[in-house]
C-alpha atoms as a PDB file:
ATOM      1  CA  UNK A   1      40.415  27.942  35.840  1.00  0.00           C
ATOM      2  CA  UNK A   2      36.627  27.629  36.229  1.00  0.00           C
ATOM      3  CA  UNK A   3      34.766  29.793  33.719  1.00  0.00           C
ATOM      4  CA  UNK A   4      31.117  28.815  34.297  1.00  0.00           C
ATOM      5  CA  UNK A   5      28.918  26.660  36.498  1.00  0.00           C
ATOM      6  CA  UNK A   6      25.507  25.064  35.934  1.00  0.00           C
ATOM      7  CA  UNK A   7      23.229  23.067  38.204  1.00  0.00           C
ATOM      8  CA  UNK A   8      20.782  20.216  37.700  1.00  0.00           C
ATOM      9  CA  UNK A   9      19.829  16.825  39.095  1.00  0.00           C
ATOM     10  CA  UNK A  10      22.196  14.699  37.031  1.00  0.00           C
ATOM     11  CA  UNK A  11      21.732  11.417  38.922  1.00  0.00           C
ATOM     12  CA  UNK A  12      18.008  11.527  39.714  1.00  0.00           C
ATOM     13  CA  UNK A  13      18.248  11.627  43.507  1.00  0.00           C
ATOM     14  CA  UNK A  14      16.249  14.835  43.872  1.00  0.00           C
ATOM     15  CA  UNK A  15      19.204  17.078  44.710  1.00  0.00           C
ATOM     16  CA  UNK A  16      20.810  19.662  42.427  1.00  0.00           C
ATOM     17  CA  UNK A  17      24.334  18.743  41.324  1.00  0.00           C
ATOM     18  CA  UNK A  18      27.001  20.947  39.710  1.00  0.00           C
ATOM     19  CA  UNK A  19      28.821  20.994  36.383  1.00  0.00           C
ATOM     20  CA  UNK A  20      31.848  23.290  36.071  1.00  0.00           C
ATOM     21  CA  UNK A  21      33.727  24.263  32.909  1.00  0.00           C
ATOM     22  CA  UNK A  22      37.507  24.564  33.166  1.00  0.00           C
ATOM     23  CA  UNK A  23      38.869  26.792  30.406  1.00  0.00           C
ATOM     24  CA  UNK A  24      42.469  25.845  31.190  1.00  0.00           C
ATOM     25  CA  UNK A  25      41.980  22.072  30.933  1.00  0.00           C
ATOM     26  CA  UNK A  26      39.242  22.086  28.263  1.00  0.00           C
ATOM     27  CA  UNK A  27      36.916  19.907  30.282  1.00  0.00           C
ATOM     28  CA  UNK A  28      33.806  19.827  32.450  1.00  0.00           C
ATOM     29  CA  UNK A  29      33.854  18.586  36.051  1.00  0.00           C
ATOM     30  CA  UNK A  30      30.804  16.896  37.580  1.00  0.00           C
ATOM     31  CA  UNK A  31      30.206  17.295  41.317  1.00  0.00           C
ATOM     32  CA  UNK A  32      27.366  15.307  42.881  1.00  0.00           C
ATOM     33  CA  UNK A  33      25.340  16.706  45.765  1.00  0.00           C
ATOM     34  CA  UNK A  34      25.676  14.710  48.985  1.00  0.00           C
ATOM     35  CA  UNK A  35      22.160  15.796  49.976  1.00  0.00           C
ATOM     36  CA  UNK A  36      23.111  18.596  52.344  1.00  0.00           C
ATOM     37  CA  UNK A  37      24.652  21.158  49.997  1.00  0.00           C
ATOM     38  CA  UNK A  38      28.118  19.618  50.053  1.00  0.00           C
ATOM     39  CA  UNK A  39      29.516  18.015  46.914  1.00  0.00           C
ATOM     40  CA  UNK A  40      31.728  15.111  45.856  1.00  0.00           C
ATOM     41  CA  UNK A  41      33.766  15.143  42.657  1.00  0.00           C
ATOM     42  CA  UNK A  42      32.705  12.401  40.216  1.00  0.00           C
ATOM     43  CA  UNK A  43      34.543  12.804  36.905  1.00  0.00           C
ATOM     44  CA  UNK A  44      35.862  15.104  34.167  1.00  0.00           C
ATOM     45  CA  UNK A  45      34.693  15.127  30.535  1.00  0.00           C
ATOM     46  CA  UNK A  46      36.637  16.531  27.615  1.00  0.00           C
ATOM     47  CA  UNK A  47      35.031  19.358  25.606  1.00  0.00           C
ATOM     48  CA  UNK A  48      36.375  21.897  23.092  1.00  0.00           C
ATOM     49  CA  UNK A  49      39.055  24.573  23.243  1.00  0.00           C
ATOM     50  CA  UNK A  50      38.479  27.092  26.071  1.00  0.00           C
ATOM     51  CA  UNK A  51      34.964  26.256  27.270  1.00  0.00           C
ATOM     52  CA  UNK A  52      33.366  29.539  28.263  1.00  0.00           C
ATOM     53  CA  UNK A  53      29.652  29.050  29.008  1.00  0.00           C
ATOM     54  CA  UNK A  54      27.296  26.151  29.646  1.00  0.00           C
ATOM     55  CA  UNK A  55      23.604  25.238  29.938  1.00  0.00           C
ATOM     56  CA  UNK A  56      21.668  22.148  30.953  1.00  0.00           C
ATOM     57  CA  UNK A  57      18.738  20.699  29.044  1.00  0.00           C
ATOM     58  CA  UNK A  58      17.014  17.566  27.822  1.00  0.00           C
ATOM     59  CA  UNK A  59      18.269  17.515  24.254  1.00  0.00           C
ATOM     60  CA  UNK A  60      17.367  13.934  23.300  1.00  0.00           C
ATOM     61  CA  UNK A  61      13.919  13.677  24.938  1.00  0.00           C
ATOM     62  CA  UNK A  62      14.831  10.839  27.307  1.00  0.00           C
ATOM     63  CA  UNK A  63      14.170  12.819  30.538  1.00  0.00           C
ATOM     64  CA  UNK A  64      17.870  12.722  31.474  1.00  0.00           C
ATOM     65  CA  UNK A  65      19.701  16.032  31.752  1.00  0.00           C
ATOM     66  CA  UNK A  66      22.383  16.797  29.172  1.00  0.00           C
ATOM     67  CA  UNK A  67      25.006  19.554  28.988  1.00  0.00           C
ATOM     68  CA  UNK A  68      25.833  21.977  26.177  1.00  0.00           C
ATOM     69  CA  UNK A  69      29.092  23.944  26.338  1.00  0.00           C
ATOM     70  CA  UNK A  70      30.156  26.927  24.202  1.00  0.00           C
ATOM     71  CA  UNK A  71      33.847  26.555  23.294  1.00  0.00           C
ATOM     72  CA  UNK A  72      35.288  29.998  22.772  1.00  0.00           C
ATOM     73  CA  UNK A  73      38.461  29.266  20.803  1.00  0.00           C
ATOM     74  CA  UNK A  74      37.354  26.534  18.380  1.00  0.00           C
ATOM     75  CA  UNK A  75      33.948  27.997  17.474  1.00  0.00           C
ATOM     76  CA  UNK A  76      31.905  24.973  18.518  1.00  0.00           C
ATOM     77  CA  UNK A  77      29.500  23.705  21.103  1.00  0.00           C
ATOM     78  CA  UNK A  78      30.014  20.393  22.866  1.00  0.00           C
ATOM     79  CA  UNK A  79      26.915  18.403  23.788  1.00  0.00           C
ATOM     80  CA  UNK A  80      27.448  15.853  26.586  1.00  0.00           C
ATOM     81  CA  UNK A  81      24.542  13.364  26.687  1.00  0.00           C
ATOM     82  CA  UNK A  82      23.541  12.491  30.239  1.00  0.00           C
ATOM     83  CA  UNK A  83      23.019   8.899  31.366  1.00  0.00           C
ATOM     84  CA  UNK A  84      20.831   9.764  34.349  1.00  0.00           C
ATOM     85  CA  UNK A  85      23.296   8.451  36.932  1.00  0.00           C
ATOM     86  CA  UNK A  86      25.623  11.464  37.052  1.00  0.00           C
ATOM     87  CA  UNK A  87      27.789  10.244  34.189  1.00  0.00           C
ATOM     88  CA  UNK A  88      27.863  11.562  30.630  1.00  0.00           C
ATOM     89  CA  UNK A  89      28.756  10.152  27.224  1.00  0.00           C
ATOM     90  CA  UNK A  90      31.544  11.603  25.085  1.00  0.00           C
ATOM     91  CA  UNK A  91      30.961  14.978  23.501  1.00  0.00           C
ATOM     92  CA  UNK A  92      29.125  15.563  20.237  1.00  0.00           C
ATOM     93  CA  UNK A  93      30.305  18.795  18.598  1.00  0.00           C
ATOM     94  CA  UNK A  94      28.479  21.304  16.411  1.00  0.00           C
ATOM     95  CA  UNK A  95      29.787  24.444  14.712  1.00  0.00           C
ATOM     96  CA  UNK A  96      28.827  27.944  15.817  1.00  0.00           C
ATOM     97  CA  UNK A  97      29.980  31.387  14.794  1.00  0.00           C
ATOM     98  CA  UNK A  98      33.351  32.810  15.777  1.00  0.00           C
ATOM     99  CA  UNK A  99      34.153  33.069  19.497  1.00  0.00           C
ATOM    100  CA  UNK A 100      30.877  31.987  21.154  1.00  0.00           C
ATOM    101  CA  UNK A 101      30.660  33.719  24.542  1.00  0.00           C
ATOM    102  CA  UNK A 102      27.205  32.674  25.738  1.00  0.00           C
ATOM    103  CA  UNK A 103      24.730  29.846  25.199  1.00  0.00           C
ATOM    104  CA  UNK A 104      21.025  29.494  25.990  1.00  0.00           C
ATOM    105  CA  UNK A 105      18.305  26.917  25.452  1.00  0.00           C
ATOM    106  CA  UNK A 106      14.654  27.106  24.355  1.00  0.00           C
ATOM    107  CA  UNK A 107      12.120  25.439  22.053  1.00  0.00           C
ATOM    108  CA  UNK A 108      12.140  28.073  19.325  1.00  0.00           C
ATOM    109  CA  UNK A 109      10.204  26.150  16.654  1.00  0.00           C
ATOM    110  CA  UNK A 110       7.520  24.604  18.921  1.00  0.00           C
ATOM    111  CA  UNK A 111       8.370  21.022  17.996  1.00  0.00           C
ATOM    112  CA  UNK A 112       8.822  19.840  21.567  1.00  0.00           C
ATOM    113  CA  UNK A 113      12.618  19.587  21.258  1.00  0.00           C
ATOM    114  CA  UNK A 114      15.156  21.845  22.927  1.00  0.00           C
ATOM    115  CA  UNK A 115      17.073  24.172  20.621  1.00  0.00           C
ATOM    116  CA  UNK A 116      20.316  26.043  21.329  1.00  0.00           C
ATOM    117  CA  UNK A 117      21.451  29.588  20.604  1.00  0.00           C
ATOM    118  CA  UNK A 118      24.896  31.133  20.988  1.00  0.00           C
ATOM    119  CA  UNK A 119      26.165  34.719  21.026  1.00  0.00           C
ATOM    120  CA  UNK A 120      29.033  34.831  18.528  1.00  0.00           C
ATOM    121  CA  UNK A 121      31.300  37.629  19.750  1.00  0.00           C
ATOM    122  CA  UNK A 122      33.504  38.139  16.701  1.00  0.00           C
ATOM    123  CA  UNK A 123      30.740  37.781  14.080  1.00  0.00           C
ATOM    124  CA  UNK A 124      28.134  40.157  15.557  1.00  0.00           C
ATOM    125  CA  UNK A 125      25.580  37.352  15.195  1.00  0.00           C
ATOM    126  CA  UNK A 126      23.629  34.715  17.064  1.00  0.00           C
ATOM    127  CA  UNK A 127      23.615  31.087  15.904  1.00  0.00           C
ATOM    128  CA  UNK A 128      20.493  28.950  16.324  1.00  0.00           C
ATOM    129  CA  UNK A 129      20.760  25.159  16.267  1.00  0.00           C
ATOM    130  CA  UNK A 130      17.389  23.403  16.202  1.00  0.00           C
ATOM    131  CA  UNK A 131      17.176  20.120  18.067  1.00  0.00           C
ATOM    132  CA  UNK A 132      16.565  16.910  16.118  1.00  0.00           C
ATOM    133  CA  UNK A 133      16.551  14.567  19.116  1.00  0.00           C
ATOM    134  CA  UNK A 134      19.266  12.062  20.061  1.00  0.00           C
ATOM    135  CA  UNK A 135      21.544  15.012  20.941  1.00  0.00           C
ATOM    136  CA  UNK A 136      21.687  16.030  17.281  1.00  0.00           C
ATOM    137  CA  UNK A 137      20.987  19.472  15.838  1.00  0.00           C
ATOM    138  CA  UNK A 138      20.132  20.871  12.419  1.00  0.00           C
ATOM    139  CA  UNK A 139      22.651  22.988  10.544  1.00  0.00           C
ATOM    140  CA  UNK A 140      22.883  26.338  12.286  1.00  0.00           C
ATOM    141  CA  UNK A 141      20.917  29.396  11.248  1.00  0.00           C
ATOM    142  CA  UNK A 142      22.598  32.788  11.651  1.00  0.00           C
ATOM    143  CA  UNK A 143      20.930  36.097  12.539  1.00  0.00           C
ATOM    144  CA  UNK A 144      22.453  39.566  12.965  1.00  0.00           C
ATOM    145  CA  UNK A 145      22.787  40.849  16.516  1.00  0.00           C
ATOM    146  CA  UNK A 146      24.603  43.946  17.755  1.00  0.00           C
ATOM    147  CA  UNK A 147      28.259  44.902  18.078  1.00  0.00           C
ATOM    148  CA  UNK A 148      30.262  42.096  19.772  1.00  0.00           C
ATOM    149  CA  UNK A 149      27.446  40.116  21.421  1.00  0.00           C
ATOM    150  CA  UNK A 150      28.658  38.807  24.762  1.00  0.00           C
ATOM    151  CA  UNK A 151      25.639  37.435  26.613  1.00  0.00           C
ATOM    152  CA  UNK A 152      22.222  36.089  25.631  1.00  0.00           C
ATOM    153  CA  UNK A 153      18.962  35.382  27.460  1.00  0.00           C
ATOM    154  CA  UNK A 154      15.718  33.747  26.330  1.00  0.00           C
ATOM    155  CA  UNK A 155      12.301  35.113  27.347  1.00  0.00           C
ATOM    156  CA  UNK A 156       8.852  35.936  25.952  1.00  0.00           C
ATOM    157  CA  UNK A 157       8.894  39.694  25.453  1.00  0.00           C
ATOM    158  CA  UNK A 158       5.855  40.493  23.280  1.00  0.00           C
ATOM    159  CA  UNK A 159       3.103  38.143  24.415  1.00  0.00           C
ATOM    160  CA  UNK A 160       2.849  36.020  21.251  1.00  0.00           C
ATOM    161  CA  UNK A 161       3.975  32.844  22.998  1.00  0.00           C
ATOM    162  CA  UNK A 162       7.278  32.616  21.131  1.00  0.00           C
ATOM    163  CA  UNK A 163      10.643  32.693  22.850  1.00  0.00           C
ATOM    164  CA  UNK A 164      12.583  35.851  22.041  1.00  0.00           C
ATOM    165  CA  UNK A 165      16.192  36.865  22.684  1.00  0.00           C
ATOM    166  CA  UNK A 166      17.935  39.628  24.605  1.00  0.00           C
ATOM    167  CA  UNK A 167      21.574  40.061  23.567  1.00  0.00           C
ATOM    168  CA  UNK A 168      24.202  42.178  25.331  1.00  0.00           C
ATOM    169  CA  UNK A 169      26.270  44.132  22.781  1.00  0.00           C
ATOM    170  CA  UNK A 170      29.599  44.719  24.467  1.00  0.00           C
ATOM    171  CA  UNK A 171      31.170  47.489  22.370  1.00  0.00           C
ATOM    172  CA  UNK A 172      27.860  49.259  21.657  1.00  0.00           C
ATOM    173  CA  UNK A 173      26.931  49.219  25.364  1.00  0.00           C
ATOM    174  CA  UNK A 174      23.341  48.253  24.705  1.00  0.00           C
ATOM    175  CA  UNK A 175      20.944  45.311  24.581  1.00  0.00           C
ATOM    176  CA  UNK A 176      19.485  44.203  21.253  1.00  0.00           C
ATOM    177  CA  UNK A 177      16.053  42.557  21.285  1.00  0.00           C
ATOM    178  CA  UNK A 178      15.473  39.826  18.702  1.00  0.00           C
ATOM    179  CA  UNK A 179      11.815  38.834  18.369  1.00  0.00           C
ATOM    180  CA  UNK A 180      10.968  35.333  17.199  1.00  0.00           C
ATOM    181  CA  UNK A 181       9.365  34.549  13.864  1.00  0.00           C
ATOM    182  CA  UNK A 182       8.237  31.310  12.213  1.00  0.00           C
ATOM    183  CA  UNK A 183      10.596  28.360  12.035  1.00  0.00           C
ATOM    184  CA  UNK A 184      13.010  29.508  14.749  1.00  0.00           C
ATOM    185  CA  UNK A 185      13.846  32.728  12.892  1.00  0.00           C
ATOM    186  CA  UNK A 186      14.593  36.058  14.576  1.00  0.00           C
ATOM    187  CA  UNK A 187      14.484  39.725  13.621  1.00  0.00           C
ATOM    188  CA  UNK A 188      15.908  42.799  15.277  1.00  0.00           C
ATOM    189  CA  UNK A 189      13.118  44.691  16.997  1.00  0.00           C
ATOM    190  CA  UNK A 190      15.092  47.451  18.696  1.00  0.00           C
ATOM    191  CA  UNK A 191      17.719  48.093  21.306  1.00  0.00           C
ATOM    192  CA  UNK A 192      18.256  50.070  24.495  1.00  0.00           C
ATOM    193  CA  UNK A 193      21.293  51.466  26.250  1.00  0.00           C
ATOM    194  CA  UNK A 194      22.899  50.077  29.376  1.00  0.00           C
ATOM    195  CA  UNK A 195      26.058  51.009  31.276  1.00  0.00           C
ATOM    196  CA  UNK A 196      29.768  50.790  30.577  1.00  0.00           C
ATOM    197  CA  UNK A 197      31.270  47.406  29.668  1.00  0.00           C
ATOM    198  CA  UNK A 198      28.090  45.334  29.993  1.00  0.00           C
ATOM    199  CA  UNK A 199      28.842  41.702  30.693  1.00  0.00           C
ATOM    200  CA  UNK A 200      25.692  39.627  31.202  1.00  0.00           C
ATOM    201  CA  UNK A 201      21.911  39.820  30.883  1.00  0.00           C
ATOM    202  CA  UNK A 202      19.179  37.986  32.792  1.00  0.00           C
ATOM    203  CA  UNK A 203      15.394  38.162  32.726  1.00  0.00           C
ATOM    204  CA  UNK A 204      12.477  37.836  35.121  1.00  0.00           C
ATOM    205  CA  UNK A 205       9.107  39.328  35.960  1.00  0.00           C
ATOM    206  CA  UNK A 206      10.302  41.829  38.568  1.00  0.00           C
ATOM    207  CA  UNK A 207       6.989  43.660  39.097  1.00  0.00           C
ATOM    208  CA  UNK A 208       4.706  40.625  38.701  1.00  0.00           C
ATOM    209  CA  UNK A 209       2.705  42.120  35.838  1.00  0.00           C
ATOM    210  CA  UNK A 210       3.137  39.113  33.549  1.00  0.00           C
ATOM    211  CA  UNK A 211       5.712  40.814  31.304  1.00  0.00           C
ATOM    212  CA  UNK A 212       9.381  39.830  31.225  1.00  0.00           C
ATOM    213  CA  UNK A 213      11.921  42.416  32.424  1.00  0.00           C
ATOM    214  CA  UNK A 214      15.705  42.596  31.972  1.00  0.00           C
ATOM    215  CA  UNK A 215      18.749  43.225  34.149  1.00  0.00           C
ATOM    216  CA  UNK A 216      22.306  43.780  32.873  1.00  0.00           C
ATOM    217  CA  UNK A 217      25.575  43.830  34.830  1.00  0.00           C
ATOM    218  CA  UNK A 218      27.803  46.782  33.883  1.00  0.00           C
ATOM    219  CA  UNK A 219      31.369  45.885  34.826  1.00  0.00           C
ATOM    220  CA  UNK A 220      32.703  49.349  33.941  1.00  0.00           C
ATOM    221  CA  UNK A 221      30.191  51.251  36.076  1.00  0.00           C
ATOM    222  CA  UNK A 222      29.964  48.874  39.048  1.00  0.00           C
ATOM    223  CA  UNK A 223      26.202  48.687  38.773  1.00  0.00           C
ATOM    224  CA  UNK A 224      23.308  46.769  37.236  1.00  0.00           C
ATOM    225  CA  UNK A 225      20.671  48.231  34.918  1.00  0.00           C
ATOM    226  CA  UNK A 226      17.023  47.180  35.225  1.00  0.00           C
ATOM    227  CA  UNK A 227      14.389  47.875  32.568  1.00  0.00           C
ATOM    228  CA  UNK A 228      10.762  46.797  32.934  1.00  0.00           C
ATOM    229  CA  UNK A 229       9.114  45.168  29.940  1.00  0.00           C
ATOM    230  CA  UNK A 230       5.945  46.637  28.413  1.00  0.00           C
ATOM    231  CA  UNK A 231       4.732  43.361  26.920  1.00  0.00           C
ATOM    232  CA  UNK A 232       5.212  44.446  23.300  1.00  0.00           C
ATOM    233  CA  UNK A 233       8.959  43.904  22.942  1.00  0.00           C
ATOM    234  CA  UNK A 234       9.833  47.369  24.255  1.00  0.00           C
ATOM    235  CA  UNK A 235      11.038  48.435  27.687  1.00  0.00           C
ATOM    236  CA  UNK A 236      10.674  51.315  30.102  1.00  0.00           C
ATOM    237  CA  UNK A 237      13.236  53.666  31.561  1.00  0.00           C
ATOM    238  CA  UNK A 238      16.482  52.366  32.973  1.00  0.00           C
ATOM    239  CA  UNK A 239      17.081  52.144  36.721  1.00  0.00           C
ATOM    240  CA  UNK A 240      20.623  51.521  37.944  1.00  0.00           C
ATOM    241  CA  UNK A 241      21.614  49.898  41.239  1.00  0.00           C
ATOM    242  CA  UNK A 242      25.123  50.197  42.640  1.00  0.00           C
ATOM    243  CA  UNK A 243      26.865  46.897  43.337  1.00  0.00           C
ATOM    244  CA  UNK A 244      30.477  45.889  43.953  1.00  0.00           C
ATOM    245  CA  UNK A 245      33.617  46.287  41.872  1.00  0.00           C
ATOM    246  CA  UNK A 246      33.704  44.767  38.386  1.00  0.00           C
ATOM    247  CA  UNK A 247      30.362  42.935  38.365  1.00  0.00           C
ATOM    248  CA  UNK A 248      30.601  40.169  35.783  1.00  0.00           C
ATOM    249  CA  UNK A 249      27.529  37.990  36.119  1.00  0.00           C
ATOM    250  CA  UNK A 250      23.948  38.614  37.201  1.00  0.00           C
ATOM    251  CA  UNK A 251      21.373  35.923  37.959  1.00  0.00           C
ATOM    252  CA  UNK A 252      17.685  36.031  38.898  1.00  0.00           C
ATOM    253  CA  UNK A 253      16.046  33.762  41.464  1.00  0.00           C
ATOM    254  CA  UNK A 254      14.121  33.464  44.699  1.00  0.00           C
ATOM    255  CA  UNK A 255      16.874  33.902  47.264  1.00  0.00           C
ATOM    256  CA  UNK A 256      14.918  35.495  50.087  1.00  0.00           C
ATOM    257  CA  UNK A 257      12.350  32.775  50.669  1.00  0.00           C
ATOM    258  CA  UNK A 258       9.561  34.930  49.204  1.00  0.00           C
ATOM    259  CA  UNK A 259       7.727  34.616  45.896  1.00  0.00           C
ATOM    260  CA  UNK A 260       9.493  37.689  44.553  1.00  0.00           C
ATOM    261  CA  UNK A 261      12.511  37.415  42.201  1.00  0.00           C
ATOM    262  CA  UNK A 262      15.792  38.691  43.619  1.00  0.00           C
ATOM    263  CA  UNK A 263      19.103  39.549  41.939  1.00  0.00           C
ATOM    264  CA  UNK A 264      22.498  37.959  42.578  1.00  0.00           C
ATOM    265  CA  UNK A 265      25.558  39.764  41.210  1.00  0.00           C
ATOM    266  CA  UNK A 266      29.111  38.337  41.104  1.00  0.00           C
ATOM    267  CA  UNK A 267      31.581  41.144  41.895  1.00  0.00           C
ATOM    268  CA  UNK A 268      34.830  39.808  40.448  1.00  0.00           C
ATOM    269  CA  UNK A 269      37.269  42.243  42.074  1.00  0.00           C
ATOM    270  CA  UNK A 270      35.595  42.116  45.497  1.00  0.00           C
ATOM    271  CA  UNK A 271      35.415  38.303  45.750  1.00  0.00           C
ATOM    272  CA  UNK A 272      31.781  38.428  46.753  1.00  0.00           C
ATOM    273  CA  UNK A 273      28.188  38.244  45.568  1.00  0.00           C
ATOM    274  CA  UNK A 274      25.627  40.965  46.204  1.00  0.00           C
ATOM    275  CA  UNK A 275      22.043  39.817  46.694  1.00  0.00           C
ATOM    276  CA  UNK A 276      19.470  42.540  45.953  1.00  0.00           C
ATOM    277  CA  UNK A 277      16.046  41.566  47.331  1.00  0.00           C
ATOM    278  CA  UNK A 278      13.085  42.160  45.053  1.00  0.00           C
ATOM    279  CA  UNK A 279      10.207  44.300  46.325  1.00  0.00           C
ATOM    280  CA  UNK A 280       7.538  42.919  43.928  1.00  0.00           C
ATOM    281  CA  UNK A 281       7.123  46.303  42.220  1.00  0.00           C
ATOM    282  CA  UNK A 282      10.108  46.211  39.886  1.00  0.00           C
ATOM    283  CA  UNK A 283      12.490  47.773  42.393  1.00  0.00           C
ATOM    284  CA  UNK A 284      15.119  46.197  44.632  1.00  0.00           C
ATOM    285  CA  UNK A 285      16.230  46.742  48.213  1.00  0.00           C
ATOM    286  CA  UNK A 286      19.629  47.205  49.819  1.00  0.00           C
ATOM    287  CA  UNK A 287      22.149  44.511  49.022  1.00  0.00           C
ATOM    288  CA  UNK A 288      23.278  41.657  51.251  1.00  0.00           C
ATOM    289  CA  UNK A 289      26.970  40.789  50.900  1.00  0.00           C
ATOM    290  CA  UNK A 290      27.870  37.098  50.430  1.00  0.00           C
ATOM    291  CA  UNK A 291      31.646  36.359  50.434  1.00  0.00           C
ATOM    292  CA  UNK A 292      32.816  33.737  47.929  1.00  0.00           C
ATOM    293  CA  UNK A 293      36.133  32.850  46.275  1.00  0.00           C
ATOM    294  CA  UNK A 294      38.781  34.765  44.364  1.00  0.00           C
ATOM    295  CA  UNK A 295      37.434  36.505  41.228  1.00  0.00           C
ATOM    296  CA  UNK A 296      33.943  34.998  40.808  1.00  0.00           C
ATOM    297  CA  UNK A 297      32.939  34.936  37.151  1.00  0.00           C
ATOM    298  CA  UNK A 298      29.707  32.952  36.962  1.00  0.00           C
ATOM    299  CA  UNK A 299      26.741  32.030  39.173  1.00  0.00           C
ATOM    300  CA  UNK A 300      24.189  29.255  39.342  1.00  0.00           C
ATOM    301  CA  UNK A 301      21.207  29.425  41.686  1.00  0.00           C
ATOM    302  CA  UNK A 302      19.480  26.295  43.020  1.00  0.00           C
ATOM    303  CA  UNK A 303      18.138  24.861  46.271  1.00  0.00           C
ATOM    304  CA  UNK A 304      21.086  22.641  47.098  1.00  0.00           C
ATOM    305  CA  UNK A 305      19.973  21.562  50.598  1.00  0.00           C
ATOM    306  CA  UNK A 306      16.152  21.708  50.231  1.00  0.00           C
ATOM    307  CA  UNK A 307      15.946  24.503  52.834  1.00  0.00           C
ATOM    308  CA  UNK A 308      15.220  28.256  52.831  1.00  0.00           C
ATOM    309  CA  UNK A 309      14.955  28.869  49.087  1.00  0.00           C
ATOM    310  CA  UNK A 310      17.688  28.973  46.492  1.00  0.00           C
ATOM    311  CA  UNK A 311      21.401  28.908  47.250  1.00  0.00           C
ATOM    312  CA  UNK A 312      24.392  30.286  45.309  1.00  0.00           C
ATOM    313  CA  UNK A 313      27.182  28.482  43.487  1.00  0.00           C
ATOM    314  CA  UNK A 314      29.995  30.745  42.245  1.00  0.00           C
ATOM    315  CA  UNK A 315      32.784  29.730  39.848  1.00  0.00           C
ATOM    316  CA  UNK A 316      35.948  31.493  41.019  1.00  0.00           C
ATOM    317  CA  UNK A 317      38.545  31.940  38.301  1.00  0.00           C
ATOM    318  CA  UNK A 318      41.634  32.622  40.376  1.00  0.00           C
ATOM    319  CA  UNK A 319      41.421  29.850  42.971  1.00  0.00           C
ATOM    320  CA  UNK A 320      40.214  26.944  40.789  1.00  0.00           C
ATOM    321  CA  UNK A 321      37.168  26.336  42.950  1.00  0.00           C
ATOM    322  CA  UNK A 322      33.423  26.535  43.053  1.00  0.00           C
ATOM    323  CA  UNK A 323      32.062  28.157  46.176  1.00  0.00           C
ATOM    324  CA  UNK A 324      28.614  27.255  47.487  1.00  0.00           C
ATOM    325  CA  UNK A 325      26.798  29.666  49.813  1.00  0.00           C
ATOM    326  CA  UNK A 326      23.732  28.111  51.464  1.00  0.00           C
ATOM    327  CA  UNK A 327      20.744  30.280  52.238  1.00  0.00           C
ATOM    328  CA  UNK A 328      19.973  30.896  55.904  1.00  0.00           C
ATOM    329  CA  UNK A 329      16.652  31.906  57.506  1.00  0.00           C
END
């Protein structure tokens, strides 16, 4: 039962590989890119109870990609140190809050080391773990978020150079903005409404004005909500775009071969992904339908075959597969 997928060059051959969490088997599968956008299974690695979300990063400063996995049912993250050849060492675990549903990475204290942050669904908090190197992290710091935080994204929202947080509050149906302070601390700076049953948040500069914008998938309304950032931690009016049925995950990337950011939305009940092309002014064009597997929950965007811009990898919950859709001219 794949719950999330992440991409990165795990063996140093220049091609993006895949890591897939399996919430039924409590492990992560590594699939190496054959160089043409097809993949070969390499190995599984044990993680915690019900792995739900995952990120890649260089947590020990050795230039080899590592993995960090949020384990929903045992309130931990598992860090898998990469060896640079596609293999990983055994997990190192760290405590989070209760029921972590999302994980993100950023250097929050400007020490040159990657830090981690989780959205702790049952605690209404985010947990920050500052990197110490060697895949170790300081004791977590806890900051209030909104009501049942489900998804988290890292971006610079107010122009001070610090990495801030956008957190989807599931029950409150809004996004809470947490602005960074000294020493990897965060404070609530406001919130804005989104649609019904918001599931995930992503960021990007949609109108190319230098300020980070947000997009949220609303699984109850079958749409996504876009708000343009003003550069001071606040956002403009909401614009909604209709997508498919039960949109779970939204990702931002260059999918059309242009320099403009596009949106990719996983429609769980339609077994497809909608691609909404960016127009460079903060708006998006008519969707392109990309069929994938049964009940896609999570997306990762990367150029898997070195052609035509980024491609799509979708973790499909009901058919125990990851589907890869390669971009075409």
